[in-house]
Amino acid sequence: MNKIKIISYDKRILLFWSLVAVSIFSLFIYIYAINATARNIAVRQDLEKKIVAISANLNSLEFSYIELRNNVTIELARQHGFTEAKSPLYVSRTNPSSLSLNTSR
């Protein structure tokens, strides 16, 4: 009896299509990663521009604050209704012996 061997390419075909599917999936992942990177770079550049604008605005506000603070005088304070305290109250740094506000015994 002659035995006939049949060459089957089923496993090779399955392997080929599996590799094709993995390659296509990898290509889509690569394209998505490049797209996400480009979007993140664009967002970062936009945020850097906003930071520069806010920083410039903050600098101008600081300069105007310093200018206004340097213009405050005793006469200006009196014009706005401020007066000097006759007997100022100070906070003591000594530790109290109890935590109660009722100190009269």
PDB file of N, CA and C in Angstrom:
ATOM      1  N   MET A   1       0.803  -1.178   0.000  1.00  0.00           N
ATOM      2  CA  MET A   1       0.000   0.000   0.000  1.00  0.00           C
ATOM      3  C   MET A   1       0.851   1.249   0.000  1.00  0.00           C
ATOM      4  N   ASN A   2       0.458   2.111  -0.803  1.00  0.00           N
ATOM      5  CA  ASN A   2       1.146   3.401  -0.884  1.00  0.00           C
ATOM      6  C   ASN A   2       0.468   4.395   0.050  1.00  0.00           C
ATOM      7  N   LYS A   3       1.292   4.998   0.820  1.00  0.00           N
ATOM      8  CA  LYS A   3       0.765   6.038   1.694  1.00  0.00           C
ATOM      9  C   LYS A   3       0.996   7.377   1.020  1.00  0.00           C
ATOM     10  N   ILE A   4      -0.019   8.154   0.989  1.00  0.00           N
ATOM     11  CA  ILE A   4       0.073   9.467   0.367  1.00  0.00           C
ATOM     12  C   ILE A   4       0.090  10.509   1.478  1.00  0.00           C
ATOM     13  N   LYS A   5       1.093  11.349   1.389  1.00  0.00           N
ATOM     14  CA  LYS A   5       1.173  12.453   2.355  1.00  0.00           C
ATOM     15  C   LYS A   5       0.601  13.696   1.693  1.00  0.00           C
ATOM     16  N   ILE A   6      -0.272  14.332   2.401  1.00  0.00           N
ATOM     17  CA  ILE A   6      -0.864  15.564   1.901  1.00  0.00           C
ATOM     18  C   ILE A   6      -0.201  16.716   2.645  1.00  0.00           C
ATOM     19  N   ILE A   7       0.304  17.651   1.875  1.00  0.00           N
ATOM     20  CA  ILE A   7       0.932  18.827   2.472  1.00  0.00           C
ATOM     21  C   ILE A   7      -0.175  19.837   2.752  1.00  0.00           C
ATOM     22  N   SER A   8      -0.311  20.171   4.005  1.00  0.00           N
ATOM     23  CA  SER A   8      -1.360  21.094   4.402  1.00  0.00           C
ATOM     24  C   SER A   8      -0.732  22.434   4.766  1.00  0.00           C
ATOM     25  N   TYR A   9      -1.276  23.472   4.208  1.00  0.00           N
ATOM     26  CA  TYR A   9      -0.787  24.824   4.484  1.00  0.00           C
ATOM     27  C   TYR A   9      -1.737  25.581   5.422  1.00  0.00           C
ATOM     28  N   ASP A  10      -2.621  24.855   6.067  1.00  0.00           N
ATOM     29  CA  ASP A  10      -3.605  25.511   6.926  1.00  0.00           C
ATOM     30  C   ASP A  10      -2.937  26.292   8.059  1.00  0.00           C
ATOM     31  N   LYS A  11      -1.953  25.686   8.693  1.00  0.00           N
ATOM     32  CA  LYS A  11      -1.285  26.372   9.803  1.00  0.00           C
ATOM     33  C   LYS A  11      -0.464  27.555   9.301  1.00  0.00           C
ATOM     34  N   ARG A  12       0.147  27.385   8.131  1.00  0.00           N
ATOM     35  CA  ARG A  12       0.924  28.498   7.568  1.00  0.00           C
ATOM     36  C   ARG A  12       0.008  29.657   7.178  1.00  0.00           C
ATOM     37  N   ILE A  13      -1.140  29.344   6.641  1.00  0.00           N
ATOM     38  CA  ILE A  13      -2.087  30.395   6.255  1.00  0.00           C
ATOM     39  C   ILE A  13      -2.605  31.106   7.506  1.00  0.00           C
ATOM     40  N   LEU A  14      -2.897  30.338   8.541  1.00  0.00           N
ATOM     41  CA  LEU A  14      -3.354  30.928   9.796  1.00  0.00           C
ATOM     42  C   LEU A  14      -2.269  31.819  10.396  1.00  0.00           C
ATOM     43  N   LEU A  15      -1.032  31.353  10.353  1.00  0.00           N
ATOM     44  CA  LEU A  15       0.088  32.149  10.857  1.00  0.00           C
ATOM     45  C   LEU A  15       0.263  33.423  10.032  1.00  0.00           C
ATOM     46  N   PHE A  16       0.159  33.320   8.716  1.00  0.00           N
ATOM     47  CA  PHE A  16       0.299  34.486   7.846  1.00  0.00           C
ATOM     48  C   PHE A  16      -0.761  35.537   8.169  1.00  0.00           C
ATOM     49  N   TRP A  17      -2.028  35.127   8.282  1.00  0.00           N
ATOM     50  CA  TRP A  17      -3.091  36.091   8.547  1.00  0.00           C
ATOM     51  C   TRP A  17      -3.003  36.647   9.964  1.00  0.00           C
ATOM     52  N   SER A  18      -2.503  35.842  10.873  1.00  0.00           N
ATOM     53  CA  SER A  18      -2.279  36.355  12.233  1.00  0.00           C
ATOM     54  C   SER A  18      -1.215  37.442  12.223  1.00  0.00           C
ATOM     55  N   LEU A  19      -0.129  37.203  11.489  1.00  0.00           N
ATOM     56  CA  LEU A  19       0.924  38.216  11.393  1.00  0.00           C
ATOM     57  C   LEU A  19       0.427  39.469  10.682  1.00  0.00           C
ATOM     58  N   VAL A  20      -0.406  39.305   9.673  1.00  0.00           N
ATOM     59  CA  VAL A  20      -0.985  40.460   8.981  1.00  0.00           C
ATOM     60  C   VAL A  20      -1.865  41.256   9.947  1.00  0.00           C
ATOM     61  N   ALA A  21      -2.676  40.565  10.730  1.00  0.00           N
ATOM     62  CA  ALA A  21      -3.550  41.250  11.688  1.00  0.00           C
ATOM     63  C   ALA A  21      -2.735  41.977  12.753  1.00  0.00           C
ATOM     64  N   VAL A  22      -1.696  41.332  13.267  1.00  0.00           N
ATOM     65  CA  VAL A  22      -0.839  41.973  14.270  1.00  0.00           C
ATOM     66  C   VAL A  22      -0.132  43.180  13.668  1.00  0.00           C
ATOM     67  N   SER A  23       0.310  43.069  12.419  1.00  0.00           N
ATOM     68  CA  SER A  23       0.982  44.197  11.758  1.00  0.00           C
ATOM     69  C   SER A  23       0.029  45.372  11.568  1.00  0.00           C
ATOM     70  N   ILE A  24      -1.188  45.097  11.146  1.00  0.00           N
ATOM     71  CA  ILE A  24      -2.167  46.171  10.950  1.00  0.00           C
ATOM     72  C   ILE A  24      -2.530  46.805  12.292  1.00  0.00           C
ATOM     73  N   PHE A  25      -2.707  45.988  13.323  1.00  0.00           N
ATOM     74  CA  PHE A  25      -3.000  46.506  14.659  1.00  0.00           C
ATOM     75  C   PHE A  25      -1.851  47.379  15.156  1.00  0.00           C
ATOM     76  N   SER A  26      -0.622  46.929  14.943  1.00  0.00           N
ATOM     77  CA  SER A  26       0.551  47.713  15.355  1.00  0.00           C
ATOM     78  C   SER A  26       0.626  49.028  14.594  1.00  0.00           C
ATOM     79  N   LEU A  27       0.277  49.004  13.323  1.00  0.00           N
ATOM     80  CA  LEU A  27       0.280  50.224  12.519  1.00  0.00           C
ATOM     81  C   LEU A  27      -0.750  51.221  13.051  1.00  0.00           C
ATOM     82  N   PHE A  28      -1.944  50.749  13.404  1.00  0.00           N
ATOM     83  CA  PHE A  28      -2.959  51.640  13.965  1.00  0.00           C
ATOM     84  C   PHE A  28      -2.519  52.203  15.311  1.00  0.00           C
ATOM     85  N   ILE A  29      -1.908  51.387  16.141  1.00  0.00           N
ATOM     86  CA  ILE A  29      -1.404  51.862  17.434  1.00  0.00           C
ATOM     87  C   ILE A  29      -0.323  52.918  17.213  1.00  0.00           C
ATOM     88  N   TYR A  30       0.555  52.693  16.249  1.00  0.00           N
ATOM     89  CA  TYR A  30       1.624  53.652  15.948  1.00  0.00           C
ATOM     90  C   TYR A  30       1.032  54.980  15.474  1.00  0.00           C
ATOM     91  N   ILE A  31       0.060  54.930  14.582  1.00  0.00           N
ATOM     92  CA  ILE A  31      -0.569  56.153  14.071  1.00  0.00           C
ATOM     93  C   ILE A  31      -1.275  56.891  15.209  1.00  0.00           C
ATOM     94  N   TYR A  32      -1.960  56.156  16.078  1.00  0.00           N
ATOM     95  CA  TYR A  32      -2.624  56.785  17.216  1.00  0.00           C
ATOM     96  C   TYR A  32      -1.604  57.443  18.144  1.00  0.00           C
ATOM     97  N   ALA A  33      -0.490  56.775  18.398  1.00  0.00           N
ATOM     98  CA  ALA A  33       0.533  57.334  19.290  1.00  0.00           C
ATOM     99  C   ALA A  33       1.138  58.605  18.700  1.00  0.00           C
ATOM    100  N   ILE A  34       1.406  58.612  17.409  1.00  0.00           N
ATOM    101  CA  ILE A  34       1.943  59.812  16.753  1.00  0.00           C
ATOM    102  C   ILE A  34       0.920  60.943  16.831  1.00  0.00           C
ATOM    103  N   ASN A  35      -0.349  60.639  16.591  1.00  0.00           N
ATOM    104  CA  ASN A  35      -1.410  61.645  16.656  1.00  0.00           C
ATOM    105  C   ASN A  35      -1.535  62.205  18.074  1.00  0.00           C
ATOM    106  N   ALA A  36      -1.517  61.328  19.075  1.00  0.00           N
ATOM    107  CA  ALA A  36      -1.624  61.783  20.467  1.00  0.00           C
ATOM    108  C   ALA A  36      -0.428  62.646  20.842  1.00  0.00           C
ATOM    109  N   THR A  37       0.754  62.271  20.392  1.00  0.00           N
ATOM    110  CA  THR A  37       1.950  63.060  20.683  1.00  0.00           C
ATOM    111  C   THR A  37       1.855  64.444  20.046  1.00  0.00           C
ATOM    112  N   ALA A  38       1.408  64.503  18.807  1.00  0.00           N
ATOM    113  CA  ALA A  38       1.272  65.795  18.127  1.00  0.00           C
ATOM    114  C   ALA A  38       0.241  66.677  18.832  1.00  0.00           C
ATOM    115  N   ARG A  39      -0.884  66.079  19.245  1.00  0.00           N
ATOM    116  CA  ARG A  39      -1.893  66.863  19.965  1.00  0.00           C
ATOM    117  C   ARG A  39      -1.359  67.371  21.297  1.00  0.00           C
ATOM    118  N   ASN A  40      -0.628  66.527  22.019  1.00  0.00           N
ATOM    119  CA  ASN A  40      -0.076  66.946  23.307  1.00  0.00           C
ATOM    120  C   ASN A  40       0.950  68.060  23.139  1.00  0.00           C
ATOM    121  N   ILE A  41       1.740  68.000  22.078  1.00  0.00           N
ATOM    122  CA  ILE A  41       2.714  69.068  21.819  1.00  0.00           C
ATOM    123  C   ILE A  41       1.986  70.374  21.520  1.00  0.00           C
ATOM    124  N   ALA A  42       0.920  70.306  20.728  1.00  0.00           N
ATOM    125  CA  ALA A  42       0.160  71.520  20.410  1.00  0.00           C
ATOM    126  C   ALA A  42      -0.490  72.106  21.664  1.00  0.00           C
ATOM    127  N   VAL A  43      -1.039  71.259  22.510  1.00  0.00           N
ATOM    128  CA  VAL A  43      -1.657  71.735  23.753  1.00  0.00           C
ATOM    129  C   VAL A  43      -0.600  72.353  24.654  1.00  0.00           C
ATOM    130  N   ARG A  44       0.573  71.721  24.722  1.00  0.00           N
ATOM    131  CA  ARG A  44       1.650  72.252  25.566  1.00  0.00           C
ATOM    132  C   ARG A  44       2.108  73.621  25.078  1.00  0.00           C
ATOM    133  N   GLN A  45       2.236  73.790  23.768  1.00  0.00           N
ATOM    134  CA  GLN A  45       2.640  75.092  23.235  1.00  0.00           C
ATOM    135  C   GLN A  45       1.584  76.147  23.538  1.00  0.00           C
ATOM    136  N   ASP A  46       0.314  75.777  23.433  1.00  0.00           N
ATOM    137  CA  ASP A  46      -0.758  76.716  23.756  1.00  0.00           C
ATOM    138  C   ASP A  46      -0.710  77.104  25.231  1.00  0.00           C
ATOM    139  N   LEU A  47      -0.480  76.131  26.097  1.00  0.00           N
ATOM    140  CA  LEU A  47      -0.382  76.425  27.527  1.00  0.00           C
ATOM    141  C   LEU A  47       0.826  77.300  27.839  1.00  0.00           C
ATOM    142  N   GLU A  48       1.942  77.069  27.148  1.00  0.00           N
ATOM    143  CA  GLU A  48       3.121  77.910  27.369  1.00  0.00           C
ATOM    144  C   GLU A  48       2.847  79.355  26.961  1.00  0.00           C
ATOM    145  N   LYS A  49       2.104  79.555  25.871  1.00  0.00           N
ATOM    146  CA  LYS A  49       1.741  80.914  25.459  1.00  0.00           C
ATOM    147  C   LYS A  49       0.849  81.576  26.506  1.00  0.00           C
ATOM    148  N   LYS A  50      -0.102  80.811  27.050  1.00  0.00           N
ATOM    149  CA  LYS A  50      -0.974  81.363  28.085  1.00  0.00           C
ATOM    150  C   LYS A  50      -0.182  81.693  29.344  1.00  0.00           C
ATOM    151  N   ILE A  51       0.790  80.850  29.690  1.00  0.00           N
ATOM    152  CA  ILE A  51       1.622  81.110  30.871  1.00  0.00           C
ATOM    153  C   ILE A  51       2.414  82.391  30.689  1.00  0.00           C
ATOM    154  N   VAL A  52       2.955  82.612  29.497  1.00  0.00           N
ATOM    155  CA  VAL A  52       3.713  83.839  29.235  1.00  0.00           C
ATOM    156  C   VAL A  52       2.802  85.056  29.362  1.00  0.00           C
ATOM    157  N   ALA A  53       1.588  84.969  28.815  1.00  0.00           N
ATOM    158  CA  ALA A  53       0.659  86.102  28.893  1.00  0.00           C
ATOM    159  C   ALA A  53       0.253  86.379  30.338  1.00  0.00           C
ATOM    160  N   ILE A  54      -0.048  85.337  31.085  1.00  0.00           N
ATOM    161  CA  ILE A  54      -0.442  85.522  32.488  1.00  0.00           C
ATOM    162  C   ILE A  54       0.727  86.045  33.307  1.00  0.00           C
ATOM    163  N   SER A  55       1.926  85.563  33.017  1.00  0.00           N
ATOM    164  CA  SER A  55       3.107  86.028  33.747  1.00  0.00           C
ATOM    165  C   SER A  55       3.365  87.510  33.481  1.00  0.00           C
ATOM    166  N   ALA A  56       3.195  87.935  32.232  1.00  0.00           N
ATOM    167  CA  ALA A  56       3.377  89.351  31.911  1.00  0.00           C
ATOM    168  C   ALA A  56       2.330  90.198  32.628  1.00  0.00           C
ATOM    169  N   ASN A  57       1.097  89.720  32.659  1.00  0.00           N
ATOM    170  CA  ASN A  57       0.035  90.439  33.362  1.00  0.00           C
ATOM    171  C   ASN A  57       0.330  90.492  34.859  1.00  0.00           C
ATOM    172  N   LEU A  58       0.823  89.400  35.414  1.00  0.00           N
ATOM    173  CA  LEU A  58       1.165  89.362  36.833  1.00  0.00           C
ATOM    174  C   LEU A  58       2.288  90.343  37.146  1.00  0.00           C
ATOM    175  N   ASN A  59       3.278  90.422  36.264  1.00  0.00           N
ATOM    176  CA  ASN A  59       4.375  91.371  36.480  1.00  0.00           C
ATOM    177  C   ASN A  59       3.868  92.808  36.497  1.00  0.00           C
ATOM    178  N   SER A  60       2.967  93.138  35.566  1.00  0.00           N
ATOM    179  CA  SER A  60       2.446  94.510  35.553  1.00  0.00           C
ATOM    180  C   SER A  60       1.606  94.778  36.803  1.00  0.00           C
ATOM    181  N   LEU A  61       0.859  93.779  37.268  1.00  0.00           N
ATOM    182  CA  LEU A  61       0.087  93.955  38.500  1.00  0.00           C
ATOM    183  C   LEU A  61       1.003  94.131  39.709  1.00  0.00           C
ATOM    184  N   GLU A  62       2.110  93.392  39.747  1.00  0.00           N
ATOM    185  CA  GLU A  62       3.055  93.543  40.854  1.00  0.00           C
ATOM    186  C   GLU A  62       3.665  94.943  40.864  1.00  0.00           C
ATOM    187  N   PHE A  63       4.025  95.456  39.685  1.00  0.00           N
ATOM    188  CA  PHE A  63       4.602  96.798  39.624  1.00  0.00           C
ATOM    189  C   PHE A  63       3.585  97.853  40.046  1.00  0.00           C
ATOM    190  N   SER A  64       2.333  97.694  39.616  1.00  0.00           N
ATOM    191  CA  SER A  64       1.323  98.676  40.031  1.00  0.00           C
ATOM    192  C   SER A  64       1.054  98.567  41.529  1.00  0.00           C
ATOM    193  N   TYR A  65       1.101  97.356  42.090  1.00  0.00           N
ATOM    194  CA  TYR A  65       0.934  97.185  43.534  1.00  0.00           C
ATOM    195  C   TYR A  65       2.058  97.878  44.293  1.00  0.00           C
ATOM    196  N   ILE A  66       3.283  97.683  43.836  1.00  0.00           N
ATOM    197  CA  ILE A  66       4.431  98.322  44.503  1.00  0.00           C
ATOM    198  C   ILE A  66       4.313  99.836  44.414  1.00  0.00           C
ATOM    199  N   GLU A  67       3.893 100.327  43.253  1.00  0.00           N
ATOM    200  CA  GLU A  67       3.737 101.774  43.082  1.00  0.00           C
ATOM    201  C   GLU A  67       2.655 102.315  44.012  1.00  0.00           C
ATOM    202  N   LEU A  68       1.518 101.631  44.089  1.00  0.00           N
ATOM    203  CA  LEU A  68       0.447 102.079  44.982  1.00  0.00           C
ATOM    204  C   LEU A  68       0.862 101.976  46.444  1.00  0.00           C
ATOM    205  N   ARG A  69       1.582 100.922  46.799  1.00  0.00           N
ATOM    206  CA  ARG A  69       2.021 100.750  48.183  1.00  0.00           C
ATOM    207  C   ARG A  69       3.003 101.849  48.584  1.00  0.00           C
ATOM    208  N   ASN A  70       3.844 102.261  47.659  1.00  0.00           N
ATOM    209  CA  ASN A  70       4.806 103.323  47.962  1.00  0.00           C
ATOM    210  C   ASN A  70       4.137 104.689  48.064  1.00  0.00           C
ATOM    211  N   ASN A  71       2.943 104.837  47.503  1.00  0.00           N
ATOM    212  CA  ASN A  71       2.238 106.119  47.561  1.00  0.00           C
ATOM    213  C   ASN A  71       1.380 106.269  48.812  1.00  0.00           C
ATOM    214  N   VAL A  72       1.273 105.234  49.634  1.00  0.00           N
ATOM    215  CA  VAL A  72       0.460 105.307  50.850  1.00  0.00           C
ATOM    216  C   VAL A  72       1.224 106.112  51.900  1.00  0.00           C
ATOM    217  N   THR A  73       0.555 107.152  52.404  1.00  0.00           N
ATOM    218  CA  THR A  73       1.143 107.992  53.450  1.00  0.00           C
ATOM    219  C   THR A  73       0.153 108.099  54.602  1.00  0.00           C
ATOM    220  N   ILE A  74       0.611 108.697  55.700  1.00  0.00           N
ATOM    221  CA  ILE A  74      -0.263 108.883  56.868  1.00  0.00           C
ATOM    222  C   ILE A  74      -1.417 109.811  56.494  1.00  0.00           C
ATOM    223  N   GLU A  75      -1.134 110.860  55.714  1.00  0.00           N
ATOM    224  CA  GLU A  75      -2.186 111.800  55.325  1.00  0.00           C
ATOM    225  C   GLU A  75      -3.251 111.106  54.475  1.00  0.00           C
ATOM    226  N   LEU A  76      -2.825 110.253  53.558  1.00  0.00           N
ATOM    227  CA  LEU A  76      -3.775 109.524  52.713  1.00  0.00           C
ATOM    228  C   LEU A  76      -4.625 108.578  53.556  1.00  0.00           C
ATOM    229  N   ALA A  77      -4.017 107.935  54.532  1.00  0.00           N
ATOM    230  CA  ALA A  77      -4.771 107.041  55.416  1.00  0.00           C
ATOM    231  C   ALA A  77      -5.798 107.825  56.219  1.00  0.00           C
ATOM    232  N   ARG A  78      -5.438 109.009  56.700  1.00  0.00           N
ATOM    233  CA  ARG A  78      -6.388 109.829  57.467  1.00  0.00           C
ATOM    234  C   ARG A  78      -7.528 110.314  56.577  1.00  0.00           C
ATOM    235  N   GLN A  79      -7.242 110.603  55.303  1.00  0.00           N
ATOM    236  CA  GLN A  79      -8.296 111.017  54.376  1.00  0.00           C
ATOM    237  C   GLN A  79      -9.322 109.899  54.165  1.00  0.00           C
ATOM    238  N   HIS A  80      -8.865 108.671  54.236  1.00  0.00           N
ATOM    239  CA  HIS A  80      -9.765 107.524  54.050  1.00  0.00           C
ATOM    240  C   HIS A  80     -10.396 107.056  55.352  1.00  0.00           C
ATOM    241  N   GLY A  81     -10.159 107.774  56.450  1.00  0.00           N
ATOM    242  CA  GLY A  81     -10.844 107.482  57.699  1.00  0.00           C
ATOM    243  C   GLY A  81     -10.074 106.620  58.678  1.00  0.00           C
ATOM    244  N   PHE A  82      -8.824 106.337  58.424  1.00  0.00           N
ATOM    245  CA  PHE A  82      -8.033 105.548  59.367  1.00  0.00           C
ATOM    246  C   PHE A  82      -7.465 106.463  60.446  1.00  0.00           C
ATOM    247  N   THR A  83      -7.414 105.963  61.665  1.00  0.00           N
ATOM    248  CA  THR A  83      -6.805 106.707  62.771  1.00  0.00           C
ATOM    249  C   THR A  83      -5.842 105.787  63.499  1.00  0.00           C
ATOM    250  N   GLU A  84      -4.921 106.410  64.239  1.00  0.00           N
ATOM    251  CA  GLU A  84      -3.983 105.610  65.020  1.00  0.00           C
ATOM    252  C   GLU A  84      -4.670 105.119  66.277  1.00  0.00           C
ATOM    253  N   ALA A  85      -4.372 103.913  66.667  1.00  0.00           N
ATOM    254  CA  ALA A  85      -4.958 103.343  67.882  1.00  0.00           C
ATOM    255  C   ALA A  85      -4.278 103.966  69.090  1.00  0.00           C
ATOM    256  N   LYS A  86      -5.117 104.401  70.057  1.00  0.00           N
ATOM    257  CA  LYS A  86      -4.560 105.035  71.266  1.00  0.00           C
ATOM    258  C   LYS A  86      -3.902 103.999  72.174  1.00  0.00           C
ATOM    259  N   SER A  87      -4.566 102.871  72.363  1.00  0.00           N
ATOM    260  CA  SER A  87      -3.973 101.810  73.185  1.00  0.00           C
ATOM    261  C   SER A  87      -4.058 100.497  72.392  1.00  0.00           C
ATOM    262  N   PRO A  88      -3.033 100.179  71.645  1.00  0.00           N
ATOM    263  CA  PRO A  88      -3.080  98.964  70.818  1.00  0.00           C
ATOM    264  C   PRO A  88      -3.060  97.703  71.680  1.00  0.00           C
ATOM    265  N   LEU A  89      -3.734  96.676  71.205  1.00  0.00           N
ATOM    266  CA  LEU A  89      -3.771  95.384  71.883  1.00  0.00           C
ATOM    267  C   LEU A  89      -2.792  94.445  71.180  1.00  0.00           C
ATOM    268  N   TYR A  90      -2.033  93.729  71.965  1.00  0.00           N
ATOM    269  CA  TYR A  90      -1.053  92.803  71.412  1.00  0.00           C
ATOM    270  C   TYR A  90      -1.382  91.388  71.860  1.00  0.00           C
ATOM    271  N   VAL A  91      -1.019  90.446  71.080  1.00  0.00           N
ATOM    272  CA  VAL A  91      -1.225  89.037  71.404  1.00  0.00           C
ATOM    273  C   VAL A  91      -0.025  88.557  72.193  1.00  0.00           C
ATOM    274  N   SER A  92      -0.286  87.850  73.267  1.00  0.00           N
ATOM    275  CA  SER A  92       0.782  87.338  74.115  1.00  0.00           C
ATOM    276  C   SER A  92       1.300  86.021  73.556  1.00  0.00           C
ATOM    277  N   ARG A  93       2.598  85.821  73.647  1.00  0.00           N
ATOM    278  CA  ARG A  93       3.184  84.577  73.180  1.00  0.00           C
ATOM    279  C   ARG A  93       3.322  83.539  74.284  1.00  0.00           C
ATOM    280  N   THR A  94       2.924  83.877  75.491  1.00  0.00           N
ATOM    281  CA  THR A  94       3.027  82.909  76.586  1.00  0.00           C
ATOM    282  C   THR A  94       1.941  81.863  76.444  1.00  0.00           C
ATOM    283  N   ASN A  95       2.254  80.633  76.798  1.00  0.00           N
ATOM    284  CA  ASN A  95       1.290  79.540  76.716  1.00  0.00           C
ATOM    285  C   ASN A  95       0.355  79.594  77.918  1.00  0.00           C
ATOM    286  N   PRO A  96      -0.954  79.586  77.679  1.00  0.00           N
ATOM    287  CA  PRO A  96      -1.893  79.603  78.806  1.00  0.00           C
ATOM    288  C   PRO A  96      -1.887  78.249  79.518  1.00  0.00           C
ATOM    289  N   SER A  97      -2.284  78.283  80.780  1.00  0.00           N
ATOM    290  CA  SER A  97      -2.309  77.039  81.552  1.00  0.00           C
ATOM    291  C   SER A  97      -3.540  76.199  81.237  1.00  0.00           C
ATOM    292  N   SER A  98      -4.587  76.806  80.682  1.00  0.00           N
ATOM    293  CA  SER A  98      -5.790  76.043  80.333  1.00  0.00           C
ATOM    294  C   SER A  98      -6.248  76.454  78.942  1.00  0.00           C
ATOM    295  N   LEU A  99      -7.116  75.632  78.373  1.00  0.00           N
ATOM    296  CA  LEU A  99      -7.633  75.920  77.042  1.00  0.00           C
ATOM    297  C   LEU A  99      -8.977  76.629  77.075  1.00  0.00           C
ATOM    298  N   SER A 100      -9.487  76.917  78.235  1.00  0.00           N
ATOM    299  CA  SER A 100     -10.798  77.528  78.381  1.00  0.00           C
ATOM    300  C   SER A 100     -10.708  79.035  78.179  1.00  0.00           C
ATOM    301  N   LEU A 101     -11.766  79.595  77.600  1.00  0.00           N
ATOM    302  CA  LEU A 101     -11.831  81.043  77.466  1.00  0.00           C
ATOM    303  C   LEU A 101     -12.329  81.689  78.754  1.00  0.00           C
ATOM    304  N   ASN A 102     -12.914  80.905  79.624  1.00  0.00           N
ATOM    305  CA  ASN A 102     -13.415  81.399  80.898  1.00  0.00           C
ATOM    306  C   ASN A 102     -12.247  81.417  81.886  1.00  0.00           C
ATOM    307  N   THR A 103     -11.579  82.557  81.987  1.00  0.00           N
ATOM    308  CA  THR A 103     -10.389  82.647  82.837  1.00  0.00           C
ATOM    309  C   THR A 103     -10.677  83.287  84.183  1.00  0.00           C
ATOM    310  N   SER A 104     -11.907  83.774  84.387  1.00  0.00           N
ATOM    311  CA  SER A 104     -12.220  84.406  85.676  1.00  0.00           C
ATOM    312  C   SER A 104     -12.711  83.344  86.648  1.00  0.00           C
ATOM    313  N   ARG A 105     -11.956  83.093  87.717  1.00  0.00           N
ATOM    314  CA  ARG A 105     -12.325  82.087  88.720  1.00  0.00           C
ATOM    315  C   ARG A 105     -12.469  82.721  90.047  1.00  0.00           C
TER     316      ARG A 105
END
